[in-house]
Amino acid sequence: MSPSAGGLVVFLLSVQVIQSQDGWRVDYDQTGVCAAKGSRVVIFYNYTHPPGIDPSDIKDRFWFTKEKDGEPVDLRTDSEYSGRVKYECYSYSDSCYLIITDVREIDSAEYKLTLMTNKPGEKYTGSPGVTLSVTGLQVQVRRSDSTWLELTCHSSCVLSDDPEYDWYKNEEIIKTGSSLLVSSGSTDRYSCYLRGYWDHGSPAVYGPQRPSVSVSPSAEMLEGDSVTLTCSADANPAANYTWYKEHEDSPRASGQIFTITDFTAEHSGNYYCEAQNEMGRSNSTLRLITSSGKSGEFLHDRNRLINKQHLLHVYP
């Protein structure tokens, strides 16, 4: 997928917060910001100072999320924000804003503004601050009927009242909208992106690919031994596994691992490992048989000659 785009994706809770103390005051335009991973966030604020303070007395304004030795750590000096933070103010105004670019989930925190004057130890922090929540996108799968599935794009916090999403099928855009209908059983890969931000989308959802089955032990086995079968399939959401034997309606086992103890000729036959998730299902066949030979008779097993009276053959 090659498209890329930039822009501002910030969704605010429109509640004004006013913190004041001894004539100091910080007005945050919002108490909470929910942003999509990889987007840019802008937090606006105004501040006022006591009448005896001249604007030139304020030597620094900075934001922080944590402290070191009891002192706030300026985001501009925090290595986790290196190159991603910018402070700006409008000319001849106390209206300012914080910009954080390429936001990450570890950026989720409470952000506070500190004002420092040129008098030693004189500072003011607007607390509580603004809570930033950074979220990734996920695709939810819901069965609409026996034929169709409804895919919806969602996040852990509310991005806006009506966000727009672009839907991709096998890394090519196919639709814009809040949801997408796809046929059940499809092995195509579907993902969603917040419109205008194509660098950070949801993980793709898709039905199980053809499962692979491994057998342990992999060498020849005598009758009466145990054999363990393990099934694995690439799928998202993660697949559930069920084991069947040919011509039997009821499953033999569930889960990735199926162990047959005291293997005998009655256990011989074709076994099916079925991998299933909300998107679809797929299966793989494994053939297990025992062969009996007279003492001294040689049995052919995958281009090798072996001399065993009772033998387990595995045919994937």
Protein backbone atom coordinates (compact mmCIF):
# COMPACT_ATOMS: atom_id res chain seq x y z
CA MET A 1 0.00 0.00 0.00
CA SER A 2 1.60 3.24 -1.14
CA PRO A 3 -0.69 6.22 -0.42
CA SER A 4 0.28 8.57 2.36
CA ALA A 5 -1.25 11.76 3.64
CA GLY A 6 -0.77 14.30 6.36
CA GLY A 7 -3.06 16.56 8.24
CA LEU A 8 -4.55 17.25 11.60
CA VAL A 9 -6.59 14.64 13.40
CA VAL A 10 -7.61 15.97 16.79
CA PHE A 11 -10.97 15.45 18.41
CA LEU A 12 -11.65 17.47 21.52
CA LEU A 13 -13.99 17.36 24.45
CA SER A 14 -15.33 20.92 24.41
CA VAL A 15 -15.14 21.58 28.15
CA GLN A 16 -13.20 24.60 29.38
CA VAL A 17 -10.95 24.13 32.39
CA ILE A 18 -9.88 27.10 34.47
CA GLN A 19 -7.15 26.76 37.06
CA SER A 20 -6.21 29.83 39.11
CA GLN A 21 -3.98 30.64 42.03
CA ASP A 22 -2.85 34.03 43.34
CA GLY A 23 -3.77 35.71 40.07
CA TRP A 24 -2.27 32.99 37.88
CA ARG A 25 -4.66 31.14 35.63
CA VAL A 26 -4.46 28.60 32.81
CA ASP A 27 -7.49 28.05 30.57
CA TYR A 28 -7.35 24.73 28.72
CA ASP A 29 -9.79 24.49 25.84
CA GLN A 30 -10.48 20.83 26.57
CA THR A 31 -10.10 18.27 29.30
CA GLY A 32 -9.46 15.34 27.01
CA VAL A 33 -8.10 14.66 23.55
CA CYS A 34 -8.54 11.39 21.66
CA ALA A 35 -6.20 10.97 18.70
CA ALA A 36 -5.44 8.24 16.22
CA LYS A 37 -2.00 6.67 16.39
CA GLY A 38 0.39 8.43 14.01
CA SER A 39 -1.61 11.65 13.80
CA ARG A 40 -0.82 15.16 15.01
CA VAL A 41 -2.33 16.65 18.15
CA VAL A 42 -2.80 20.33 18.99
CA ILE A 43 -3.76 21.41 22.52
CA PHE A 44 -4.80 25.04 22.91
CA TYR A 45 -4.58 27.13 26.07
CA ASN A 46 -4.63 30.68 27.42
CA TYR A 47 -2.92 31.95 30.51
CA THR A 48 -3.10 35.05 32.69
CA HIS A 49 -0.71 36.31 35.34
CA PRO A 50 -1.02 38.49 38.44
CA PRO A 51 -1.18 42.29 37.86
CA GLY A 52 2.28 42.76 39.33
CA ILE A 53 3.86 40.47 36.75
CA ASP A 54 5.02 41.89 33.45
CA PRO A 55 4.80 39.53 30.46
CA SER A 56 8.55 39.91 30.06
CA ASP A 57 8.96 38.45 33.55
CA ILE A 58 7.74 35.07 32.27
CA LYS A 59 10.94 33.48 31.10
CA ASP A 60 9.58 30.10 30.07
CA ARG A 61 6.42 28.16 29.32
CA PHE A 62 6.67 24.42 28.95
CA TRP A 63 4.63 21.22 29.09
CA PHE A 64 5.37 18.07 31.02
CA THR A 65 3.91 14.66 31.83
CA LYS A 66 6.40 13.47 34.45
CA GLU A 67 8.78 14.74 37.07
CA LYS A 68 12.38 14.01 37.98
CA ASP A 69 13.66 14.73 41.48
CA GLY A 70 10.46 16.63 42.15
CA GLU A 71 10.84 18.91 39.12
CA PRO A 72 8.75 18.76 35.93
CA VAL A 73 10.56 17.46 32.85
CA ASP A 74 10.13 19.71 29.81
CA LEU A 75 8.77 17.68 26.90
CA ARG A 76 11.35 19.31 24.66
CA THR A 77 14.12 17.64 26.65
CA ASP A 78 12.38 14.30 27.02
CA SER A 79 14.01 11.76 24.69
CA GLU A 80 10.67 10.03 24.10
CA TYR A 81 9.38 13.21 22.40
CA SER A 82 12.55 14.12 20.55
CA GLY A 83 11.71 16.04 17.37
CA ARG A 84 7.97 15.64 17.90
CA VAL A 85 7.08 18.58 20.19
CA LYS A 86 6.61 22.25 19.40
CA TYR A 87 5.36 25.20 21.46
CA GLU A 88 3.74 28.14 19.71
CA CYS A 89 1.93 31.35 20.71
CA TYR A 90 -0.01 33.82 18.62
CA SER A 91 1.73 37.17 18.21
CA TYR A 92 0.99 39.71 20.93
CA SER A 93 -1.33 37.25 22.66
CA ASP A 94 -1.44 34.91 25.61
CA SER A 95 -3.13 32.30 23.43
CA CYS A 96 -0.78 29.42 22.82
CA TYR A 97 -0.76 25.79 21.80
CA LEU A 98 1.20 22.57 22.10
CA ILE A 99 1.83 20.44 19.01
CA ILE A 100 2.77 16.76 19.22
CA THR A 101 3.38 14.99 15.93
CA ASP A 102 3.31 11.27 15.12
CA VAL A 103 1.57 10.48 18.41
CA ARG A 104 2.10 7.04 19.87
CA GLU A 105 0.19 4.98 22.38
CA ILE A 106 2.90 5.60 24.99
CA ASP A 107 2.11 9.33 24.67
CA SER A 108 -1.20 8.73 26.45
CA ALA A 109 -0.86 10.77 29.64
CA GLU A 110 -1.94 13.91 31.46
CA TYR A 111 -0.23 17.02 30.05
CA LYS A 112 0.28 20.08 32.24
CA LEU A 113 1.58 23.56 31.51
CA THR A 114 4.17 25.22 33.77
CA LEU A 115 4.87 28.97 33.74
CA MET A 116 8.21 30.16 35.16
CA THR A 117 9.24 33.74 35.93
CA ASN A 118 12.68 35.28 36.20
CA LYS A 119 12.39 35.18 39.99
CA PRO A 120 14.12 32.11 41.44
CA GLY A 121 11.65 29.37 42.33
CA GLU A 122 8.58 31.29 41.11
CA LYS A 123 6.44 29.11 38.88
CA TYR A 124 2.86 28.06 38.37
CA THR A 125 1.44 24.80 37.02
CA GLY A 126 -2.08 24.50 35.67
CA SER A 127 -3.40 21.32 37.28
CA PRO A 128 -5.26 19.14 36.48
CA GLY A 129 -4.08 19.25 32.91
CA VAL A 130 -5.30 17.79 29.63
CA THR A 131 -5.56 14.02 29.24
CA LEU A 132 -4.40 12.66 25.89
CA SER A 133 -5.55 9.21 24.79
CA VAL A 134 -3.85 7.74 21.73
CA THR A 135 -5.63 4.82 20.13
CA GLY A 136 -5.02 2.38 17.33
CA LEU A 137 -7.80 1.21 15.06
CA GLN A 138 -9.32 -2.26 15.13
CA VAL A 139 -11.81 -4.02 12.88
CA GLN A 140 -14.76 -5.69 14.57
CA VAL A 141 -16.42 -8.59 12.76
CA ARG A 142 -20.14 -9.31 13.15
CA ARG A 143 -22.14 -11.90 11.28
CA SER A 144 -24.96 -10.23 9.38
CA ASP A 145 -26.49 -13.48 8.09
CA SER A 146 -25.34 -16.84 6.79
CA THR A 147 -23.77 -15.19 3.74
CA TRP A 148 -22.49 -11.79 4.83
CA LEU A 149 -20.26 -10.32 7.52
CA GLU A 150 -20.31 -6.70 8.67
CA LEU A 151 -16.97 -5.11 9.42
CA THR A 152 -16.83 -1.95 11.54
CA CYS A 153 -13.85 0.21 12.41
CA HIS A 154 -13.51 1.26 16.01
CA SER A 155 -11.08 2.63 18.58
CA SER A 156 -10.75 2.51 22.34
CA CYS A 157 -11.88 6.14 22.69
CA VAL A 158 -14.29 8.27 20.69
CA LEU A 159 -12.45 10.02 17.87
CA SER A 160 -15.40 12.17 16.83
CA ASP A 161 -19.16 12.02 16.40
CA ASP A 162 -18.89 10.87 12.81
CA PRO A 163 -15.36 9.87 11.72
CA GLU A 164 -14.79 8.77 8.14
CA TYR A 165 -12.94 5.58 7.33
CA ASP A 166 -11.33 4.21 4.19
CA TRP A 167 -11.59 0.45 3.71
CA TYR A 168 -8.87 -1.59 2.05
CA LYS A 169 -9.05 -5.05 0.54
CA ASN A 170 -5.68 -6.71 0.03
CA GLU A 171 -4.02 -3.27 0.47
CA GLU A 172 -6.17 -1.53 -2.17
CA ILE A 173 -8.85 1.00 -1.27
CA ILE A 174 -12.37 -0.16 -2.10
CA LYS A 175 -14.79 2.00 -0.12
CA THR A 176 -15.26 4.93 2.26
CA GLY A 177 -17.73 4.55 5.08
CA SER A 178 -18.33 3.53 8.67
CA SER A 179 -18.76 -0.17 7.86
CA LEU A 180 -18.20 -2.75 5.15
CA LEU A 181 -20.11 -5.88 4.12
CA VAL A 182 -18.00 -8.84 2.96
CA SER A 183 -18.90 -12.38 2.03
CA SER A 184 -18.41 -15.03 4.66
CA GLY A 185 -15.56 -17.43 4.01
CA SER A 186 -13.42 -14.97 2.08
CA THR A 187 -9.65 -15.28 2.48
CA ASP A 188 -9.11 -11.64 1.45
CA ARG A 189 -7.55 -9.23 3.94
CA TYR A 190 -9.54 -6.20 5.09
CA SER A 191 -8.35 -3.18 7.06
CA CYS A 192 -9.59 0.32 7.86
CA TYR A 193 -7.87 3.70 8.04
CA LEU A 194 -9.04 7.02 9.40
CA ARG A 195 -9.61 9.10 6.30
CA GLY A 196 -6.62 11.30 5.54
CA TYR A 197 -4.27 9.16 7.63
CA TRP A 198 -3.11 6.16 5.65
CA ASP A 199 0.13 5.50 7.49
CA HIS A 200 -1.48 3.93 10.56
CA GLY A 201 -4.40 1.64 9.90
CA SER A 202 -5.94 -1.28 11.67
CA PRO A 203 -4.41 -4.75 11.52
CA ALA A 204 -5.97 -6.69 8.65
CA VAL A 205 -8.66 -9.25 9.41
CA TYR A 206 -8.90 -12.42 7.33
CA GLY A 207 -10.09 -15.99 7.47
CA PRO A 208 -7.77 -18.89 8.26
CA GLN A 209 -5.31 -19.88 5.57
CA ARG A 210 -4.88 -23.60 4.89
CA PRO A 211 -3.74 -25.13 8.19
CA SER A 212 -0.48 -26.97 8.57
CA VAL A 213 -0.27 -30.07 10.75
CA SER A 214 2.79 -31.39 12.51
CA VAL A 215 3.17 -34.84 14.07
CA SER A 216 5.19 -35.79 17.13
CA PRO A 217 7.12 -37.99 17.28
CA SER A 218 7.88 -37.71 13.60
CA ALA A 219 9.68 -41.07 13.38
CA GLU A 220 8.05 -44.47 13.01
CA MET A 221 6.02 -45.64 15.99
CA LEU A 222 4.95 -49.01 17.31
CA GLU A 223 1.32 -49.84 18.04
CA GLY A 224 0.40 -48.81 21.55
CA ASP A 225 2.45 -45.64 21.50
CA SER A 226 1.02 -42.09 21.62
CA VAL A 227 0.97 -39.60 18.80
CA THR A 228 0.44 -35.86 19.14
CA LEU A 229 -0.94 -33.78 16.27
CA THR A 230 -0.59 -29.98 16.22
CA CYS A 231 -2.56 -27.71 13.91
CA SER A 232 -1.65 -24.13 13.03
CA ALA A 233 -3.20 -21.60 10.66
CA ASP A 234 -2.49 -17.97 9.89
CA ALA A 235 -5.64 -16.02 10.76
CA ASN A 236 -6.87 -12.77 12.31
CA PRO A 237 -8.82 -12.91 14.56
CA ALA A 238 -6.98 -15.94 15.92
CA ALA A 239 -8.47 -19.25 14.83
CA ASN A 240 -10.12 -21.91 16.94
CA TYR A 241 -9.31 -25.53 16.09
CA THR A 242 -11.44 -28.67 15.90
CA TRP A 243 -10.37 -32.21 14.99
CA TYR A 244 -12.60 -34.63 13.08
CA LYS A 245 -12.20 -38.14 11.78
CA GLU A 246 -13.57 -39.01 8.36
CA HIS A 247 -17.16 -40.33 8.31
CA GLU A 248 -17.78 -39.20 11.90
CA ASP A 249 -20.17 -36.35 12.71
CA SER A 250 -18.90 -35.56 16.19
CA PRO A 251 -15.51 -33.94 16.64
CA ARG A 252 -12.70 -35.95 18.18
CA ALA A 253 -11.10 -33.00 19.97
CA SER A 254 -10.88 -29.21 20.12
CA GLY A 255 -7.82 -27.02 20.42
CA GLN A 256 -4.56 -26.83 18.52
CA ILE A 257 -3.18 -30.07 19.98
CA PHE A 258 -4.78 -33.51 19.62
CA THR A 259 -3.15 -36.49 21.30
CA ILE A 260 -4.05 -40.09 20.54
CA THR A 261 -2.86 -42.50 23.21
CA ASP A 262 -2.38 -46.23 22.75
CA PHE A 263 -2.63 -46.00 18.96
CA THR A 264 -4.12 -49.12 17.32
CA ALA A 265 -5.43 -50.11 13.91
CA GLU A 266 -8.88 -48.85 14.96
CA HIS A 267 -7.48 -45.32 15.04
CA SER A 268 -6.39 -45.53 11.41
CA GLY A 269 -8.07 -43.18 8.93
CA ASN A 270 -8.24 -39.64 7.67
CA TYR A 271 -8.28 -36.85 10.24
CA TYR A 272 -9.29 -33.27 9.58
CA CYS A 273 -8.03 -30.22 11.40
CA GLU A 274 -10.49 -27.36 10.92
CA ALA A 275 -9.39 -23.79 11.70
CA GLN A 276 -12.23 -21.30 12.13
CA ASN A 277 -12.67 -17.65 13.07
CA GLU A 278 -15.35 -15.01 12.50
CA MET A 279 -14.21 -14.52 8.90
CA GLY A 280 -14.35 -18.13 7.74
CA ARG A 281 -12.90 -21.61 8.02
CA SER A 282 -10.34 -23.88 6.39
CA ASN A 283 -9.18 -27.44 6.94
CA SER A 284 -6.28 -29.76 6.32
CA THR A 285 -6.33 -33.56 6.04
CA LEU A 286 -3.96 -35.99 7.69
CA ARG A 287 -3.93 -39.75 7.08
CA LEU A 288 -2.88 -42.09 9.87
CA ILE A 289 -2.64 -45.84 9.37
CA THR A 290 -0.98 -48.84 10.95
CA SER A 291 0.55 -51.60 8.90
CA SER A 292 1.25 -55.12 10.14
CA GLY A 293 3.98 -57.18 8.53
CA LYS A 294 5.40 -60.60 9.10
CA SER A 295 8.65 -60.86 10.96
CA GLY A 296 11.49 -60.08 8.58
CA GLU A 297 9.20 -58.43 5.99
CA PHE A 298 10.31 -54.98 4.79
CA LEU A 299 7.76 -52.14 4.48
CA HIS A 300 8.28 -49.18 2.18
CA ASP A 301 7.88 -45.79 3.92
CA ARG A 302 8.67 -42.62 1.94
CA ASN A 303 11.55 -44.12 -0.03
CA ARG A 304 13.07 -45.77 3.01
CA LEU A 305 13.23 -49.46 3.92
CA ILE A 306 12.41 -50.21 7.54
CA ASN A 307 11.98 -53.45 9.41
CA LYS A 308 9.18 -53.21 11.99
CA GLN A 309 6.28 -55.51 12.66
CA HIS A 310 3.78 -52.76 13.48
CA LEU A 311 4.21 -49.32 11.99
CA LEU A 312 2.40 -45.98 12.05
CA HIS A 313 2.33 -44.21 8.70
CA VAL A 314 1.59 -40.48 8.48
CA TYR A 315 0.32 -39.05 5.21
CA PRO A 316 -0.39 -35.28 5.31
